[in-house]
């Protein structure tokens, strides 16, 4: 009889211990989720602020570039016709833009290829390239 009572007490304390361990595990997961959510919120906020400042800088630099190009056309107008000056300045700017675009696209392709290769080597992508994270 004493053995049966002791077994029931042991079973209750074991169940109570397992319940507390389970609750502690749940709380740990919830705390981690809250930390990740806070970190993502802070990262997104910082990214948005940086993007707004970058956009403002791009707008200001675009205006400055247009003024400098107008000044260059005005200077070239002294040695050639206005149409020729506009064509020379526009052609040079267009050529620089095409080169910048081509280099950017090439680097993007290379960066993507390197990251996929790195992921394949580290095992983060499957055999067909699907992401296994």
C-alpha atoms as a PDB file:
ATOM      1  CA  UNK A   1       0.000   0.000   0.000  1.00  0.00           C
ATOM      2  CA  UNK A   2       2.752   2.401   0.891  1.00  0.00           C
ATOM      3  CA  UNK A   3       4.508   1.544  -2.348  1.00  0.00           C
ATOM      4  CA  UNK A   4       1.391   2.401  -4.419  1.00  0.00           C
ATOM      5  CA  UNK A   5       0.959   5.748  -2.632  1.00  0.00           C
ATOM      6  CA  UNK A   6       4.605   6.570  -3.098  1.00  0.00           C
ATOM      7  CA  UNK A   7       4.397   5.660  -6.792  1.00  0.00           C
ATOM      8  CA  UNK A   8       1.403   7.993  -7.259  1.00  0.00           C
ATOM      9  CA  UNK A   9       3.289  10.815  -5.528  1.00  0.00           C
ATOM     10  CA  UNK A  10       6.346  10.145  -7.702  1.00  0.00           C
ATOM     11  CA  UNK A  11       4.161  10.114 -10.818  1.00  0.00           C
ATOM     12  CA  UNK A  12       2.534  13.419  -9.818  1.00  0.00           C
ATOM     13  CA  UNK A  13       5.889  15.041  -9.114  1.00  0.00           C
ATOM     14  CA  UNK A  14       7.228  13.707 -12.419  1.00  0.00           C
ATOM     15  CA  UNK A  15       4.185  15.042 -14.292  1.00  0.00           C
ATOM     16  CA  UNK A  16       4.507  18.368 -12.457  1.00  0.00           C
ATOM     17  CA  UNK A  17       8.208  18.551 -13.343  1.00  0.00           C
ATOM     18  CA  UNK A  18       7.523  17.742 -16.982  1.00  0.00           C
ATOM     19  CA  UNK A  19       4.779  20.373 -17.063  1.00  0.00           C
ATOM     20  CA  UNK A  20       7.168  23.001 -15.645  1.00  0.00           C
ATOM     21  CA  UNK A  21       9.883  22.025 -18.134  1.00  0.00           C
ATOM     22  CA  UNK A  22       7.371  22.270 -20.991  1.00  0.00           C
ATOM     23  CA  UNK A  23       6.158  25.686 -19.783  1.00  0.00           C
ATOM     24  CA  UNK A  24       9.735  26.926 -19.451  1.00  0.00           C
ATOM     25  CA  UNK A  25      10.458  25.732 -22.988  1.00  0.00           C
ATOM     26  CA  UNK A  26       7.363  27.502 -24.291  1.00  0.00           C
ATOM     27  CA  UNK A  27       8.370  30.717 -22.540  1.00  0.00           C
ATOM     28  CA  UNK A  28      11.883  30.448 -23.967  1.00  0.00           C
ATOM     29  CA  UNK A  29      10.514  30.087 -27.499  1.00  0.00           C
ATOM     30  CA  UNK A  30       8.142  33.033 -26.984  1.00  0.00           C
ATOM     31  CA  UNK A  31      10.989  35.167 -25.632  1.00  0.00           C
ATOM     32  CA  UNK A  32      13.150  34.283 -28.646  1.00  0.00           C
ATOM     33  CA  UNK A  33      10.322  35.162 -31.030  1.00  0.00           C
ATOM     34  CA  UNK A  34       9.914  38.522 -29.280  1.00  0.00           C
ATOM     35  CA  UNK A  35      13.653  39.183 -29.576  1.00  0.00           C
ATOM     36  CA  UNK A  36      13.656  38.321 -33.279  1.00  0.00           C
ATOM     37  CA  UNK A  37      10.603  40.530 -33.868  1.00  0.00           C
ATOM     38  CA  UNK A  38      12.286  43.440 -32.061  1.00  0.00           C
ATOM     39  CA  UNK A  39      15.518  42.931 -33.999  1.00  0.00           C
ATOM     40  CA  UNK A  40      13.664  42.811 -37.324  1.00  0.00           C
ATOM     41  CA  UNK A  41      11.707  45.957 -36.444  1.00  0.00           C
ATOM     42  CA  UNK A  42      14.891  47.827 -35.577  1.00  0.00           C
ATOM     43  CA  UNK A  43      16.645  46.590 -38.720  1.00  0.00           C
ATOM     44  CA  UNK A  44      13.700  47.564 -40.935  1.00  0.00           C
ATOM     45  CA  UNK A  45      13.495  51.003 -39.336  1.00  0.00           C
ATOM     46  CA  UNK A  46      17.221  51.590 -39.796  1.00  0.00           C
ATOM     47  CA  UNK A  47      17.012  50.385 -43.413  1.00  0.00           C
ATOM     48  CA  UNK A  48      14.093  52.689 -44.226  1.00  0.00           C
ATOM     49  CA  UNK A  49      15.849  55.694 -42.688  1.00  0.00           C
ATOM     50  CA  UNK A  50      18.988  54.895 -44.678  1.00  0.00           C
ATOM     51  CA  UNK A  51      17.010  54.476 -47.906  1.00  0.00           C
ATOM     52  CA  UNK A  52      15.249  57.827 -47.403  1.00  0.00           C
ATOM     53  CA  UNK A  53      18.572  59.591 -46.834  1.00  0.00           C
ATOM     54  CA  UNK A  54      20.104  57.844 -49.862  1.00  0.00           C
ATOM     55  CA  UNK A  55      17.144  58.899 -52.029  1.00  0.00           C
ATOM     56  CA  UNK A  56      17.437  62.507 -50.833  1.00  0.00           C
ATOM     57  CA  UNK A  57      21.149  62.458 -51.621  1.00  0.00           C
ATOM     58  CA  UNK A  58      20.462  61.028 -55.081  1.00  0.00           C
ATOM     59  CA  UNK A  59      17.934  63.782 -55.820  1.00  0.00           C
ATOM     60  CA  UNK A  60      20.364  66.488 -54.727  1.00  0.00           C
ATOM     61  CA  UNK A  61      23.231  64.970 -56.690  1.00  0.00           C
ATOM     62  CA  UNK A  62      21.032  64.668 -59.785  1.00  0.00           C
ATOM     63  CA  UNK A  63      20.278  68.379 -59.620  1.00  0.00           C
ATOM     64  CA  UNK A  64      23.964  69.191 -59.195  1.00  0.00           C
ATOM     65  CA  UNK A  65      24.867  66.945 -62.134  1.00  0.00           C
ATOM     66  CA  UNK A  66      22.311  68.682 -64.369  1.00  0.00           C
ATOM     67  CA  UNK A  67      23.747  72.071 -63.462  1.00  0.00           C
ATOM     68  CA  UNK A  68      27.294  70.918 -64.184  1.00  0.00           C
ATOM     69  CA  UNK A  69      26.205  69.448 -67.515  1.00  0.00           C
ATOM     70  CA  UNK A  70      24.440  72.706 -68.433  1.00  0.00           C
ATOM     71  CA  UNK A  71      27.621  74.593 -67.572  1.00  0.00           C
ATOM     72  CA  UNK A  72      29.636  72.209 -69.768  1.00  0.00           C
ATOM     73  CA  UNK A  73      27.223  72.736 -72.681  1.00  0.00           C
ATOM     74  CA  UNK A  74      27.534  76.502 -72.195  1.00  0.00           C
ATOM     75  CA  UNK A  75      31.331  76.284 -72.266  1.00  0.00           C
ATOM     76  CA  UNK A  76      31.318  74.070 -75.367  1.00  0.00           C
ATOM     77  CA  UNK A  77      28.852  76.463 -77.029  1.00  0.00           C
ATOM     78  CA  UNK A  78      31.730  78.950 -77.285  1.00  0.00           C
ATOM     79  CA  UNK A  79      33.719  76.639 -79.565  1.00  0.00           C
ATOM     80  CA  UNK A  80      30.916  74.849 -81.456  1.00  0.00           C
ATOM     81  CA  UNK A  81      27.222  75.202 -82.163  1.00  0.00           C
ATOM     82  CA  UNK A  82      24.711  74.738 -79.335  1.00  0.00           C
ATOM     83  CA  UNK A  83      23.290  71.610 -80.963  1.00  0.00           C
ATOM     84  CA  UNK A  84      26.736  70.038 -81.299  1.00  0.00           C
ATOM     85  CA  UNK A  85      27.596  70.909 -77.685  1.00  0.00           C
ATOM     86  CA  UNK A  86      24.371  69.312 -76.428  1.00  0.00           C
ATOM     87  CA  UNK A  87      25.025  66.230 -78.572  1.00  0.00           C
ATOM     88  CA  UNK A  88      28.616  65.840 -77.318  1.00  0.00           C
ATOM     89  CA  UNK A  89      27.665  66.232 -73.645  1.00  0.00           C
ATOM     90  CA  UNK A  90      24.596  64.009 -74.039  1.00  0.00           C
ATOM     91  CA  UNK A  91      26.599  61.341 -75.858  1.00  0.00           C
ATOM     92  CA  UNK A  92      29.315  61.251 -73.198  1.00  0.00           C
ATOM     93  CA  UNK A  93      26.737  61.051 -70.393  1.00  0.00           C
ATOM     94  CA  UNK A  94      24.815  58.317 -72.240  1.00  0.00           C
ATOM     95  CA  UNK A  95      28.020  56.313 -72.797  1.00  0.00           C
ATOM     96  CA  UNK A  96      28.943  56.609 -69.110  1.00  0.00           C
ATOM     97  CA  UNK A  97      25.434  55.507 -68.167  1.00  0.00           C
ATOM     98  CA  UNK A  98      25.588  52.454 -70.430  1.00  0.00           C
ATOM     99  CA  UNK A  99      28.980  51.459 -69.011  1.00  0.00           C
ATOM    100  CA  UNK A 100      27.766  51.884 -65.417  1.00  0.00           C
ATOM    101  CA  UNK A 101      24.630  49.862 -66.167  1.00  0.00           C
ATOM    102  CA  UNK A 102      26.586  47.051 -67.834  1.00  0.00           C
ATOM    103  CA  UNK A 103      29.140  46.843 -65.017  1.00  0.00           C
ATOM    104  CA  UNK A 104      26.361  46.857 -62.393  1.00  0.00           C
ATOM    105  CA  UNK A 105      24.449  44.095 -64.152  1.00  0.00           C
ATOM    106  CA  UNK A 106      27.606  42.015 -64.557  1.00  0.00           C
ATOM    107  CA  UNK A 107      28.525  42.387 -60.884  1.00  0.00           C
ATOM    108  CA  UNK A 108      24.996  41.487 -59.850  1.00  0.00           C
ATOM    109  CA  UNK A 109      25.148  38.301 -61.905  1.00  0.00           C
ATOM    110  CA  UNK A 110      28.589  37.467 -60.492  1.00  0.00           C
ATOM    111  CA  UNK A 111      27.502  38.159 -56.907  1.00  0.00           C
ATOM    112  CA  UNK A 112      24.440  35.959 -57.406  1.00  0.00           C
ATOM    113  CA  UNK A 113      26.510  33.181 -58.958  1.00  0.00           C
ATOM    114  CA  UNK A 114      29.047  33.346 -56.137  1.00  0.00           C
ATOM    115  CA  UNK A 115      26.363  33.299 -53.433  1.00  0.00           C
ATOM    116  CA  UNK A 116      24.583  30.313 -55.017  1.00  0.00           C
ATOM    117  CA  UNK A 117      27.926  28.485 -55.333  1.00  0.00           C
ATOM    118  CA  UNK A 118      28.792  29.315 -51.724  1.00  0.00           C
ATOM    119  CA  UNK A 119      25.354  28.102 -50.585  1.00  0.00           C
ATOM    120  CA  UNK A 120      25.726  24.872 -52.578  1.00  0.00           C
ATOM    121  CA  UNK A 121      29.120  24.241 -51.021  1.00  0.00           C
ATOM    122  CA  UNK A 122      27.837  24.953 -47.503  1.00  0.00           C
ATOM    123  CA  UNK A 123      24.801  22.720 -48.077  1.00  0.00           C
ATOM    124  CA  UNK A 124      22.123  25.412 -47.834  1.00  0.00           C
ATOM    125  CA  UNK A 125      20.701  24.552 -51.270  1.00  0.00           C
ATOM    126  CA  UNK A 126      19.538  21.188 -52.517  1.00  0.00           C
ATOM    127  CA  UNK A 127      20.747  19.463 -55.631  1.00  0.00           C
ATOM    128  CA  UNK A 128      18.278  21.379 -57.831  1.00  0.00           C
ATOM    129  CA  UNK A 129      19.052  24.734 -56.183  1.00  0.00           C
ATOM    130  CA  UNK A 130      16.049  24.910 -53.870  1.00  0.00           C
ATOM    131  CA  UNK A 131      16.717  26.625 -50.577  1.00  0.00           C
ATOM    132  CA  UNK A 132      16.781  24.316 -47.541  1.00  0.00           C
ATOM    133  CA  UNK A 133      17.044  26.834 -44.716  1.00  0.00           C
END
